[in-house]
């Protein structure tokens, strides 16, 4: 007997999802929105529906028993509810919201962005909540008169690449909680999601010295004799050859000048992995590690090559290529 309601539950949910997608697709894309009577909606809450039923019962009782005080109480409560609906609609109407696009993130991290609410009128707007549509995690704030407030929201992208920010919703139930005044907003901003770096970071591949350099005989970043020296107090931990220390018990550091003169090619075919996403994850970890060590490195993918260089701009170019691969 319980299977029959379940059969109806899935088609109804499917229809609701299709209607929601159709409605959201009709909304314009914008990073700034001003709320007005065309994009603000009103629906009674459960408390509002219960109040309506209560008013109906009071009205029937007042008519049946000819109670003047019953009429007074019924119409007083009904008038208060109507005034509350008007006040709630005015809380959102005229509010201007602007969005600041989030910074690029790695897959598995939340994209955090801020929404700025601007109140041009003199009265304070109370109890305004914002959330990613369907997430159910609300951020509430009051916006003082002729002032602004900022709300921070976040969402978790499901895959790497460029993603448009999800649909947002704003609502208020001020002042009585009997009506829900709400709106939907589709931001135009996008967030760039890099691959998740492999953890722990794998060992870097071998690099080649620049032609004509004084260290041309150094053939590997990973610890050939021409690039090593005895450990000195104050050397960074990243320059210590831990494999050699584990074997011989002797601390040896890489020469920082030699490291800076090495050229690494981070090649997709040299990752030693079969799955495409795992390859990108290892390349991402290599890019971050090579930049941290101050090396000169290039990136080779099946679709493009990025010439060797270093610096923050070069790192971002490599990560962008990995995100869009």
C-alpha atoms as a PDB file:
ATOM      1  CA  UNK A   1       0.000   0.000   0.000  1.00  0.00           C
ATOM      2  CA  UNK A   2       2.909   2.349   0.630  1.00  0.00           C
ATOM      3  CA  UNK A   3       4.208   1.885  -2.919  1.00  0.00           C
ATOM      4  CA  UNK A   4       1.319   3.813  -4.516  1.00  0.00           C
ATOM      5  CA  UNK A   5       2.158   7.199  -2.910  1.00  0.00           C
ATOM      6  CA  UNK A   6       5.798   6.688  -3.891  1.00  0.00           C
ATOM      7  CA  UNK A   7       4.790   6.201  -7.518  1.00  0.00           C
ATOM      8  CA  UNK A   8       3.075   9.568  -7.495  1.00  0.00           C
ATOM      9  CA  UNK A   9       5.843  11.281  -5.561  1.00  0.00           C
ATOM     10  CA  UNK A  10       8.525  11.029  -8.258  1.00  0.00           C
ATOM     11  CA  UNK A  11       6.433  12.349 -11.209  1.00  0.00           C
ATOM     12  CA  UNK A  12       5.283  15.321  -9.138  1.00  0.00           C
ATOM     13  CA  UNK A  13       8.845  16.112  -8.102  1.00  0.00           C
ATOM     14  CA  UNK A  14       9.949  15.841 -11.732  1.00  0.00           C
ATOM     15  CA  UNK A  15       7.225  18.247 -12.863  1.00  0.00           C
ATOM     16  CA  UNK A  16       8.086  20.714 -10.112  1.00  0.00           C
ATOM     17  CA  UNK A  17      11.774  20.609 -11.072  1.00  0.00           C
ATOM     18  CA  UNK A  18      10.950  21.238 -14.744  1.00  0.00           C
ATOM     19  CA  UNK A  19       8.680  24.159 -13.884  1.00  0.00           C
ATOM     20  CA  UNK A  20      11.369  25.632 -11.610  1.00  0.00           C
ATOM     21  CA  UNK A  21      14.021  25.350 -14.355  1.00  0.00           C
ATOM     22  CA  UNK A  22      11.679  26.936 -16.902  1.00  0.00           C
ATOM     23  CA  UNK A  23      10.903  29.802 -14.552  1.00  0.00           C
ATOM     24  CA  UNK A  24      14.540  30.432 -13.676  1.00  0.00           C
ATOM     25  CA  UNK A  25      15.542  30.382 -17.352  1.00  0.00           C
ATOM     26  CA  UNK A  26      13.233  33.358 -17.950  1.00  0.00           C
ATOM     27  CA  UNK A  27      15.012  35.488 -15.358  1.00  0.00           C
ATOM     28  CA  UNK A  28      17.603  37.959 -16.712  1.00  0.00           C
ATOM     29  CA  UNK A  29      21.300  37.521 -15.886  1.00  0.00           C
ATOM     30  CA  UNK A  30      22.672  40.439 -13.886  1.00  0.00           C
ATOM     31  CA  UNK A  31      25.103  41.100 -11.037  1.00  0.00           C
ATOM     32  CA  UNK A  32      22.906  43.963  -9.814  1.00  0.00           C
ATOM     33  CA  UNK A  33      19.163  43.952  -9.191  1.00  0.00           C
ATOM     34  CA  UNK A  34      16.634  46.449  -7.844  1.00  0.00           C
ATOM     35  CA  UNK A  35      13.537  44.867  -6.331  1.00  0.00           C
ATOM     36  CA  UNK A  36      10.141  46.210  -7.355  1.00  0.00           C
ATOM     37  CA  UNK A  37       6.535  45.059  -7.790  1.00  0.00           C
ATOM     38  CA  UNK A  38       7.505  43.098 -10.935  1.00  0.00           C
ATOM     39  CA  UNK A  39      10.012  40.746  -9.286  1.00  0.00           C
ATOM     40  CA  UNK A  40       8.775  40.490  -5.674  1.00  0.00           C
ATOM     41  CA  UNK A  41       6.210  37.779  -4.848  1.00  0.00           C
ATOM     42  CA  UNK A  42       3.965  37.105  -1.846  1.00  0.00           C
ATOM     43  CA  UNK A  43       2.719  33.797  -0.494  1.00  0.00           C
ATOM     44  CA  UNK A  44       1.114  32.996   2.884  1.00  0.00           C
ATOM     45  CA  UNK A  45       3.147  30.890   5.272  1.00  0.00           C
ATOM     46  CA  UNK A  46       1.773  27.989   7.291  1.00  0.00           C
ATOM     47  CA  UNK A  47       1.151  30.395  10.134  1.00  0.00           C
ATOM     48  CA  UNK A  48      -0.706  32.659   7.713  1.00  0.00           C
ATOM     49  CA  UNK A  49      -2.903  29.798   6.493  1.00  0.00           C
ATOM     50  CA  UNK A  50      -3.700  28.828  10.080  1.00  0.00           C
ATOM     51  CA  UNK A  51      -4.575  32.463  10.804  1.00  0.00           C
ATOM     52  CA  UNK A  52      -6.947  32.450   7.827  1.00  0.00           C
ATOM     53  CA  UNK A  53      -8.686  29.309   9.087  1.00  0.00           C
ATOM     54  CA  UNK A  54      -8.940  30.842  12.565  1.00  0.00           C
ATOM     55  CA  UNK A  55     -10.474  34.034  11.172  1.00  0.00           C
ATOM     56  CA  UNK A  56     -12.998  31.986   9.217  1.00  0.00           C
ATOM     57  CA  UNK A  57     -14.021  30.092  12.365  1.00  0.00           C
ATOM     58  CA  UNK A  58     -14.335  33.356  14.325  1.00  0.00           C
ATOM     59  CA  UNK A  59     -16.433  34.906  11.581  1.00  0.00           C
ATOM     60  CA  UNK A  60     -18.816  31.921  11.463  1.00  0.00           C
ATOM     61  CA  UNK A  61     -19.117  31.937  15.259  1.00  0.00           C
ATOM     62  CA  UNK A  62     -19.805  35.698  15.316  1.00  0.00           C
ATOM     63  CA  UNK A  63     -22.510  35.349  12.648  1.00  0.00           C
ATOM     64  CA  UNK A  64     -24.098  32.346  14.370  1.00  0.00           C
ATOM     65  CA  UNK A  65     -24.249  33.925  17.821  1.00  0.00           C
ATOM     66  CA  UNK A  66     -24.586  37.563  16.672  1.00  0.00           C
ATOM     67  CA  UNK A  67     -21.514  38.645  18.667  1.00  0.00           C
ATOM     68  CA  UNK A  68     -20.495  42.225  17.969  1.00  0.00           C
ATOM     69  CA  UNK A  69     -17.208  41.738  19.812  1.00  0.00           C
ATOM     70  CA  UNK A  70     -16.605  38.657  17.657  1.00  0.00           C
ATOM     71  CA  UNK A  71     -16.986  40.794  14.526  1.00  0.00           C
ATOM     72  CA  UNK A  72     -14.609  43.371  16.016  1.00  0.00           C
ATOM     73  CA  UNK A  73     -11.946  40.772  16.868  1.00  0.00           C
ATOM     74  CA  UNK A  74     -12.227  39.069  13.463  1.00  0.00           C
ATOM     75  CA  UNK A  75     -11.906  42.246  11.408  1.00  0.00           C
ATOM     76  CA  UNK A  76      -9.168  43.605  13.680  1.00  0.00           C
ATOM     77  CA  UNK A  77      -7.048  40.496  13.166  1.00  0.00           C
ATOM     78  CA  UNK A  78      -7.779  40.442   9.424  1.00  0.00           C
ATOM     79  CA  UNK A  79      -6.825  44.105   9.097  1.00  0.00           C
ATOM     80  CA  UNK A  80      -3.581  43.503  11.020  1.00  0.00           C
ATOM     81  CA  UNK A  81      -2.699  40.638   8.674  1.00  0.00           C
ATOM     82  CA  UNK A  82      -3.332  42.798   5.589  1.00  0.00           C
ATOM     83  CA  UNK A  83      -1.218  45.624   7.010  1.00  0.00           C
ATOM     84  CA  UNK A  84       1.550  43.101   7.780  1.00  0.00           C
ATOM     85  CA  UNK A  85       1.431  41.896   4.161  1.00  0.00           C
ATOM     86  CA  UNK A  86       1.851  45.480   2.923  1.00  0.00           C
ATOM     87  CA  UNK A  87       4.729  46.153   5.345  1.00  0.00           C
ATOM     88  CA  UNK A  88       6.471  42.907   4.372  1.00  0.00           C
ATOM     89  CA  UNK A  89       6.238  43.738   0.668  1.00  0.00           C
ATOM     90  CA  UNK A  90       7.649  47.198   1.366  1.00  0.00           C
ATOM     91  CA  UNK A  91      10.591  45.641   3.208  1.00  0.00           C
ATOM     92  CA  UNK A  92      11.932  44.189  -0.060  1.00  0.00           C
ATOM     93  CA  UNK A  93      10.477  46.677  -2.550  1.00  0.00           C
ATOM     94  CA  UNK A  94      13.093  49.279  -3.499  1.00  0.00           C
ATOM     95  CA  UNK A  95      16.038  47.280  -2.117  1.00  0.00           C
ATOM     96  CA  UNK A  96      19.094  47.215  -4.408  1.00  0.00           C
ATOM     97  CA  UNK A  97      21.498  44.257  -4.343  1.00  0.00           C
ATOM     98  CA  UNK A  98      24.962  43.992  -5.897  1.00  0.00           C
ATOM     99  CA  UNK A  99      27.169  40.916  -6.088  1.00  0.00           C
ATOM    100  CA  UNK A 100      30.953  40.581  -5.903  1.00  0.00           C
ATOM    101  CA  UNK A 101      32.238  37.660  -7.979  1.00  0.00           C
ATOM    102  CA  UNK A 102      34.200  34.998  -6.051  1.00  0.00           C
ATOM    103  CA  UNK A 103      37.884  34.288  -6.598  1.00  0.00           C
ATOM    104  CA  UNK A 104      39.099  31.155  -8.350  1.00  0.00           C
ATOM    105  CA  UNK A 105      39.138  28.039  -6.177  1.00  0.00           C
ATOM    106  CA  UNK A 106      40.262  24.417  -6.350  1.00  0.00           C
ATOM    107  CA  UNK A 107      37.735  21.633  -6.753  1.00  0.00           C
ATOM    108  CA  UNK A 108      36.429  20.523  -3.372  1.00  0.00           C
ATOM    109  CA  UNK A 109      36.522  24.047  -1.869  1.00  0.00           C
ATOM    110  CA  UNK A 110      33.497  26.296  -1.457  1.00  0.00           C
ATOM    111  CA  UNK A 111      33.154  29.364  -3.648  1.00  0.00           C
ATOM    112  CA  UNK A 112      32.526  32.281  -1.287  1.00  0.00           C
ATOM    113  CA  UNK A 113      31.008  35.520  -2.567  1.00  0.00           C
ATOM    114  CA  UNK A 114      29.412  38.620  -1.058  1.00  0.00           C
ATOM    115  CA  UNK A 115      26.094  40.324  -1.703  1.00  0.00           C
ATOM    116  CA  UNK A 116      25.798  44.026  -0.846  1.00  0.00           C
ATOM    117  CA  UNK A 117      22.342  45.326   0.071  1.00  0.00           C
ATOM    118  CA  UNK A 118      21.700  49.065  -0.326  1.00  0.00           C
ATOM    119  CA  UNK A 119      18.761  50.779   1.375  1.00  0.00           C
ATOM    120  CA  UNK A 120      17.905  54.207  -0.058  1.00  0.00           C
ATOM    121  CA  UNK A 121      14.947  54.941   2.223  1.00  0.00           C
ATOM    122  CA  UNK A 122      15.153  56.317   5.743  1.00  0.00           C
ATOM    123  CA  UNK A 123      13.502  53.402   7.563  1.00  0.00           C
ATOM    124  CA  UNK A 124      15.368  50.246   8.496  1.00  0.00           C
ATOM    125  CA  UNK A 125      14.565  47.057   6.585  1.00  0.00           C
ATOM    126  CA  UNK A 126      14.327  44.183   9.071  1.00  0.00           C
ATOM    127  CA  UNK A 127      14.713  40.436   8.761  1.00  0.00           C
ATOM    128  CA  UNK A 128      16.036  40.021   5.205  1.00  0.00           C
ATOM    129  CA  UNK A 129      17.437  36.592   4.387  1.00  0.00           C
ATOM    130  CA  UNK A 130      19.517  35.472   1.399  1.00  0.00           C
ATOM    131  CA  UNK A 131      20.460  31.963   0.302  1.00  0.00           C
ATOM    132  CA  UNK A 132      21.458  29.866  -2.678  1.00  0.00           C
ATOM    133  CA  UNK A 133      18.144  28.721  -4.102  1.00  0.00           C
ATOM    134  CA  UNK A 134      17.314  25.262  -2.814  1.00  0.00           C
ATOM    135  CA  UNK A 135      20.255  25.062  -0.385  1.00  0.00           C
ATOM    136  CA  UNK A 136      18.262  25.992   2.708  1.00  0.00           C
ATOM    137  CA  UNK A 137      21.200  27.721   4.422  1.00  0.00           C
ATOM    138  CA  UNK A 138      20.074  31.288   5.088  1.00  0.00           C
ATOM    139  CA  UNK A 139      22.064  34.383   6.005  1.00  0.00           C
ATOM    140  CA  UNK A 140      19.942  37.004   7.758  1.00  0.00           C
ATOM    141  CA  UNK A 141      20.569  40.705   8.155  1.00  0.00           C
ATOM    142  CA  UNK A 142      18.945  44.084   8.807  1.00  0.00           C
ATOM    143  CA  UNK A 143      19.687  47.005   6.494  1.00  0.00           C
ATOM    144  CA  UNK A 144      19.705  50.386   8.296  1.00  0.00           C
ATOM    145  CA  UNK A 145      18.084  53.411   6.724  1.00  0.00           C
ATOM    146  CA  UNK A 146      20.166  55.076   3.982  1.00  0.00           C
ATOM    147  CA  UNK A 147      22.935  52.555   4.568  1.00  0.00           C
ATOM    148  CA  UNK A 148      24.220  49.200   3.336  1.00  0.00           C
ATOM    149  CA  UNK A 149      24.750  45.693   4.652  1.00  0.00           C
ATOM    150  CA  UNK A 150      26.821  42.777   3.358  1.00  0.00           C
ATOM    151  CA  UNK A 151      25.892  39.109   3.379  1.00  0.00           C
ATOM    152  CA  UNK A 152      28.347  36.285   2.638  1.00  0.00           C
ATOM    153  CA  UNK A 153      27.136  33.225   0.751  1.00  0.00           C
ATOM    154  CA  UNK A 154      28.873  30.085  -0.526  1.00  0.00           C
ATOM    155  CA  UNK A 155      28.242  27.073  -2.718  1.00  0.00           C
ATOM    156  CA  UNK A 156      30.200  23.939  -3.627  1.00  0.00           C
ATOM    157  CA  UNK A 157      30.888  23.464  -7.371  1.00  0.00           C
ATOM    158  CA  UNK A 158      30.477  19.897  -8.554  1.00  0.00           C
ATOM    159  CA  UNK A 159      33.259  19.893 -11.172  1.00  0.00           C
ATOM    160  CA  UNK A 160      36.182  21.937 -12.472  1.00  0.00           C
ATOM    161  CA  UNK A 161      35.882  24.626 -15.163  1.00  0.00           C
ATOM    162  CA  UNK A 162      33.926  27.857 -15.371  1.00  0.00           C
ATOM    163  CA  UNK A 163      30.618  27.901 -13.535  1.00  0.00           C
ATOM    164  CA  UNK A 164      27.912  30.522 -13.413  1.00  0.00           C
ATOM    165  CA  UNK A 165      26.846  31.339  -9.880  1.00  0.00           C
ATOM    166  CA  UNK A 166      23.643  29.542  -8.858  1.00  0.00           C
ATOM    167  CA  UNK A 167      20.272  31.237  -8.601  1.00  0.00           C
ATOM    168  CA  UNK A 168      19.857  33.212  -5.378  1.00  0.00           C
ATOM    169  CA  UNK A 169      16.740  33.906  -3.381  1.00  0.00           C
ATOM    170  CA  UNK A 170      15.947  36.712  -0.932  1.00  0.00           C
ATOM    171  CA  UNK A 171      12.992  36.743   1.417  1.00  0.00           C
ATOM    172  CA  UNK A 172      11.479  38.349   4.477  1.00  0.00           C
ATOM    173  CA  UNK A 173       8.635  37.358   6.806  1.00  0.00           C
ATOM    174  CA  UNK A 174       8.616  40.623   8.679  1.00  0.00           C
ATOM    175  CA  UNK A 175       6.634  41.750  10.636  1.00  0.00           C
ATOM    176  CA  UNK A 176       4.131  39.010  11.639  1.00  0.00           C
ATOM    177  CA  UNK A 177       5.456  35.924   9.853  1.00  0.00           C
ATOM    178  CA  UNK A 178       2.096  35.301   8.180  1.00  0.00           C
ATOM    179  CA  UNK A 179       3.341  36.107   4.660  1.00  0.00           C
ATOM    180  CA  UNK A 180       6.543  35.161   2.859  1.00  0.00           C
ATOM    181  CA  UNK A 181       7.757  37.947   0.558  1.00  0.00           C
ATOM    182  CA  UNK A 182      10.480  36.655  -1.758  1.00  0.00           C
ATOM    183  CA  UNK A 183      12.338  37.051  -5.036  1.00  0.00           C
ATOM    184  CA  UNK A 184      14.683  35.072  -7.310  1.00  0.00           C
ATOM    185  CA  UNK A 185      17.922  36.440  -8.773  1.00  0.00           C
ATOM    186  CA  UNK A 186      20.220  34.937 -11.440  1.00  0.00           C
ATOM    187  CA  UNK A 187      23.739  36.427 -11.178  1.00  0.00           C
ATOM    188  CA  UNK A 188      25.817  36.779 -14.342  1.00  0.00           C
ATOM    189  CA  UNK A 189      29.153  36.317 -12.528  1.00  0.00           C
ATOM    190  CA  UNK A 190      31.165  33.140 -12.965  1.00  0.00           C
ATOM    191  CA  UNK A 191      33.664  31.282 -10.812  1.00  0.00           C
ATOM    192  CA  UNK A 192      36.742  29.459 -12.101  1.00  0.00           C
ATOM    193  CA  UNK A 193      37.350  26.051 -10.507  1.00  0.00           C
ATOM    194  CA  UNK A 194      40.858  24.553 -10.791  1.00  0.00           C
ATOM    195  CA  UNK A 195      41.467  20.809 -10.413  1.00  0.00           C
ATOM    196  CA  UNK A 196      42.029  19.591  -6.883  1.00  0.00           C
ATOM    197  CA  UNK A 197      45.793  19.170  -6.296  1.00  0.00           C
ATOM    198  CA  UNK A 198      46.930  15.651  -5.463  1.00  0.00           C
ATOM    199  CA  UNK A 199      47.659  15.187  -1.760  1.00  0.00           C
ATOM    200  CA  UNK A 200      50.333  14.520  -0.706  1.00  0.00           C
ATOM    201  CA  UNK A 201      52.145  16.405  -3.463  1.00  0.00           C
ATOM    202  CA  UNK A 202      54.032  13.924  -5.688  1.00  0.00           C
ATOM    203  CA  UNK A 203      57.729  14.218  -6.488  1.00  0.00           C
ATOM    204  CA  UNK A 204      58.534  16.626  -9.302  1.00  0.00           C
ATOM    205  CA  UNK A 205      59.762  15.171 -12.601  1.00  0.00           C
ATOM    206  CA  UNK A 206      63.294  15.738 -13.852  1.00  0.00           C
ATOM    207  CA  UNK A 207      64.208  19.131 -15.266  1.00  0.00           C
ATOM    208  CA  UNK A 208      66.856  20.400 -17.673  1.00  0.00           C
ATOM    209  CA  UNK A 209      69.273  23.275 -17.179  1.00  0.00           C
ATOM    210  CA  UNK A 210      69.086  26.321 -19.412  1.00  0.00           C
ATOM    211  CA  UNK A 211      71.426  26.288 -22.395  1.00  0.00           C
ATOM    212  CA  UNK A 212      74.582  28.277 -21.738  1.00  0.00           C
ATOM    213  CA  UNK A 213      74.115  28.443 -18.001  1.00  0.00           C
ATOM    214  CA  UNK A 214      76.918  27.834 -15.585  1.00  0.00           C
ATOM    215  CA  UNK A 215      75.018  24.835 -14.287  1.00  0.00           C
ATOM    216  CA  UNK A 216      74.431  23.100 -17.593  1.00  0.00           C
ATOM    217  CA  UNK A 217      75.815  19.908 -16.173  1.00  0.00           C
ATOM    218  CA  UNK A 218      72.977  19.643 -13.679  1.00  0.00           C
ATOM    219  CA  UNK A 219      70.521  17.237 -15.241  1.00  0.00           C
ATOM    220  CA  UNK A 220      67.946  16.801 -12.520  1.00  0.00           C
ATOM    221  CA  UNK A 221      66.078  18.969 -10.065  1.00  0.00           C
ATOM    222  CA  UNK A 222      65.796  16.081  -7.730  1.00  0.00           C
ATOM    223  CA  UNK A 223      69.358  16.021  -6.402  1.00  0.00           C
ATOM    224  CA  UNK A 224      72.246  15.533  -8.850  1.00  0.00           C
ATOM    225  CA  UNK A 225      75.648  16.293  -7.257  1.00  0.00           C
ATOM    226  CA  UNK A 226      76.118  19.596  -9.164  1.00  0.00           C
ATOM    227  CA  UNK A 227      73.031  21.037  -7.496  1.00  0.00           C
ATOM    228  CA  UNK A 228      73.714  19.918  -3.906  1.00  0.00           C
ATOM    229  CA  UNK A 229      75.628  21.352  -0.991  1.00  0.00           C
ATOM    230  CA  UNK A 230      75.949  20.697   2.720  1.00  0.00           C
ATOM    231  CA  UNK A 231      73.036  21.814   4.865  1.00  0.00           C
ATOM    232  CA  UNK A 232      73.382  25.270   6.370  1.00  0.00           C
ATOM    233  CA  UNK A 233      71.444  26.522   9.351  1.00  0.00           C
ATOM    234  CA  UNK A 234      68.482  28.560   8.132  1.00  0.00           C
ATOM    235  CA  UNK A 235      67.964  26.654   4.868  1.00  0.00           C
ATOM    236  CA  UNK A 236      64.324  26.280   3.963  1.00  0.00           C
ATOM    237  CA  UNK A 237      62.820  22.847   4.551  1.00  0.00           C
ATOM    238  CA  UNK A 238      61.737  22.669   0.908  1.00  0.00           C
ATOM    239  CA  UNK A 239      65.403  22.697  -0.228  1.00  0.00           C
ATOM    240  CA  UNK A 240      66.446  19.679   1.868  1.00  0.00           C
ATOM    241  CA  UNK A 241      66.888  16.377   0.006  1.00  0.00           C
ATOM    242  CA  UNK A 242      64.920  14.171   2.374  1.00  0.00           C
ATOM    243  CA  UNK A 243      65.509  10.971   0.401  1.00  0.00           C
ATOM    244  CA  UNK A 244      69.273  11.323   0.787  1.00  0.00           C
ATOM    245  CA  UNK A 245      68.855  12.202   4.464  1.00  0.00           C
ATOM    246  CA  UNK A 246      66.795   9.044   5.010  1.00  0.00           C
ATOM    247  CA  UNK A 247      69.421   6.857   3.335  1.00  0.00           C
ATOM    248  CA  UNK A 248      72.657   8.356   4.694  1.00  0.00           C
ATOM    249  CA  UNK A 249      71.491  10.343   7.724  1.00  0.00           C
ATOM    250  CA  UNK A 250      73.247  13.411   6.285  1.00  0.00           C
ATOM    251  CA  UNK A 251      71.337  16.635   5.681  1.00  0.00           C
ATOM    252  CA  UNK A 252      71.985  17.992   2.191  1.00  0.00           C
ATOM    253  CA  UNK A 253      70.303  21.035   0.622  1.00  0.00           C
ATOM    254  CA  UNK A 254      69.694  21.980  -2.973  1.00  0.00           C
ATOM    255  CA  UNK A 255      71.421  25.117  -4.178  1.00  0.00           C
ATOM    256  CA  UNK A 256      68.696  27.760  -4.604  1.00  0.00           C
ATOM    257  CA  UNK A 257      70.521  29.395  -7.547  1.00  0.00           C
ATOM    258  CA  UNK A 258      70.752  26.027  -9.285  1.00  0.00           C
ATOM    259  CA  UNK A 259      67.066  25.413  -8.677  1.00  0.00           C
ATOM    260  CA  UNK A 260      66.141  28.746 -10.237  1.00  0.00           C
ATOM    261  CA  UNK A 261      68.163  27.900 -13.347  1.00  0.00           C
ATOM    262  CA  UNK A 262      66.426  24.569 -13.917  1.00  0.00           C
ATOM    263  CA  UNK A 263      63.614  24.222 -16.446  1.00  0.00           C
ATOM    264  CA  UNK A 264      60.840  21.759 -15.712  1.00  0.00           C
ATOM    265  CA  UNK A 265      58.408  20.462 -18.293  1.00  0.00           C
ATOM    266  CA  UNK A 266      55.273  19.286 -16.552  1.00  0.00           C
ATOM    267  CA  UNK A 267      53.978  16.864 -19.155  1.00  0.00           C
ATOM    268  CA  UNK A 268      50.590  15.190 -19.017  1.00  0.00           C
ATOM    269  CA  UNK A 269      52.059  12.029 -20.544  1.00  0.00           C
ATOM    270  CA  UNK A 270      54.652  11.774 -17.765  1.00  0.00           C
ATOM    271  CA  UNK A 271      52.193  11.695 -14.866  1.00  0.00           C
ATOM    272  CA  UNK A 272      52.072   7.887 -14.911  1.00  0.00           C
ATOM    273  CA  UNK A 273      48.312   7.887 -14.394  1.00  0.00           C
ATOM    274  CA  UNK A 274      45.558   6.589 -16.644  1.00  0.00           C
ATOM    275  CA  UNK A 275      42.522   8.615 -15.642  1.00  0.00           C
ATOM    276  CA  UNK A 276      42.274  12.077 -17.129  1.00  0.00           C
ATOM    277  CA  UNK A 277      41.079  13.828 -13.966  1.00  0.00           C
ATOM    278  CA  UNK A 278      43.833  12.166 -11.920  1.00  0.00           C
ATOM    279  CA  UNK A 279      46.397  13.426 -14.443  1.00  0.00           C
ATOM    280  CA  UNK A 280      45.111  16.983 -14.092  1.00  0.00           C
ATOM    281  CA  UNK A 281      45.155  16.671 -10.312  1.00  0.00           C
ATOM    282  CA  UNK A 282      48.825  15.605 -10.351  1.00  0.00           C
ATOM    283  CA  UNK A 283      49.760  18.372 -12.804  1.00  0.00           C
ATOM    284  CA  UNK A 284      48.018  20.884 -10.556  1.00  0.00           C
ATOM    285  CA  UNK A 285      50.059  19.709  -7.561  1.00  0.00           C
ATOM    286  CA  UNK A 286      53.248  19.939  -9.652  1.00  0.00           C
ATOM    287  CA  UNK A 287      52.458  23.504 -10.742  1.00  0.00           C
ATOM    288  CA  UNK A 288      51.896  24.636  -7.162  1.00  0.00           C
ATOM    289  CA  UNK A 289      55.056  22.886  -5.924  1.00  0.00           C
ATOM    290  CA  UNK A 290      57.254  24.194  -8.746  1.00  0.00           C
ATOM    291  CA  UNK A 291      56.048  27.740  -8.130  1.00  0.00           C
ATOM    292  CA  UNK A 292      56.655  27.355  -4.408  1.00  0.00           C
ATOM    293  CA  UNK A 293      60.239  26.245  -5.088  1.00  0.00           C
ATOM    294  CA  UNK A 294      60.825  29.155  -7.464  1.00  0.00           C
ATOM    295  CA  UNK A 295      61.537  26.921 -10.472  1.00  0.00           C
ATOM    296  CA  UNK A 296      61.172  27.747 -14.143  1.00  0.00           C
ATOM    297  CA  UNK A 297      58.544  25.376 -15.505  1.00  0.00           C
ATOM    298  CA  UNK A 298      56.363  24.821 -18.509  1.00  0.00           C
ATOM    299  CA  UNK A 299      53.159  22.866 -19.002  1.00  0.00           C
ATOM    300  CA  UNK A 300      52.431  20.364 -21.758  1.00  0.00           C
ATOM    301  CA  UNK A 301      48.907  19.142 -22.361  1.00  0.00           C
ATOM    302  CA  UNK A 302      47.493  17.200 -25.283  1.00  0.00           C
ATOM    303  CA  UNK A 303      45.796  20.338 -26.572  1.00  0.00           C
ATOM    304  CA  UNK A 304      48.324  23.091 -25.783  1.00  0.00           C
ATOM    305  CA  UNK A 305      51.791  23.943 -24.502  1.00  0.00           C
ATOM    306  CA  UNK A 306      52.644  26.807 -22.136  1.00  0.00           C
ATOM    307  CA  UNK A 307      56.217  28.064 -22.468  1.00  0.00           C
ATOM    308  CA  UNK A 308      58.508  27.826 -19.398  1.00  0.00           C
ATOM    309  CA  UNK A 309      58.385  30.738 -16.991  1.00  0.00           C
ATOM    310  CA  UNK A 310      57.503  31.404 -13.359  1.00  0.00           C
ATOM    311  CA  UNK A 311      55.663  33.908 -11.230  1.00  0.00           C
ATOM    312  CA  UNK A 312      52.057  34.317 -10.138  1.00  0.00           C
ATOM    313  CA  UNK A 313      50.772  35.243 -13.604  1.00  0.00           C
ATOM    314  CA  UNK A 314      52.414  32.152 -15.135  1.00  0.00           C
ATOM    315  CA  UNK A 315      51.001  29.936 -12.399  1.00  0.00           C
ATOM    316  CA  UNK A 316      47.499  31.276 -13.065  1.00  0.00           C
ATOM    317  CA  UNK A 317      47.899  30.624 -16.803  1.00  0.00           C
ATOM    318  CA  UNK A 318      48.841  27.023 -16.097  1.00  0.00           C
ATOM    319  CA  UNK A 319      45.999  26.513 -13.641  1.00  0.00           C
ATOM    320  CA  UNK A 320      43.553  28.082 -16.102  1.00  0.00           C
ATOM    321  CA  UNK A 321      44.683  25.653 -18.779  1.00  0.00           C
ATOM    322  CA  UNK A 322      44.175  22.746 -16.389  1.00  0.00           C
ATOM    323  CA  UNK A 323      40.734  23.988 -15.358  1.00  0.00           C
ATOM    324  CA  UNK A 324      39.524  24.277 -18.964  1.00  0.00           C
ATOM    325  CA  UNK A 325      41.273  21.180 -20.334  1.00  0.00           C
END
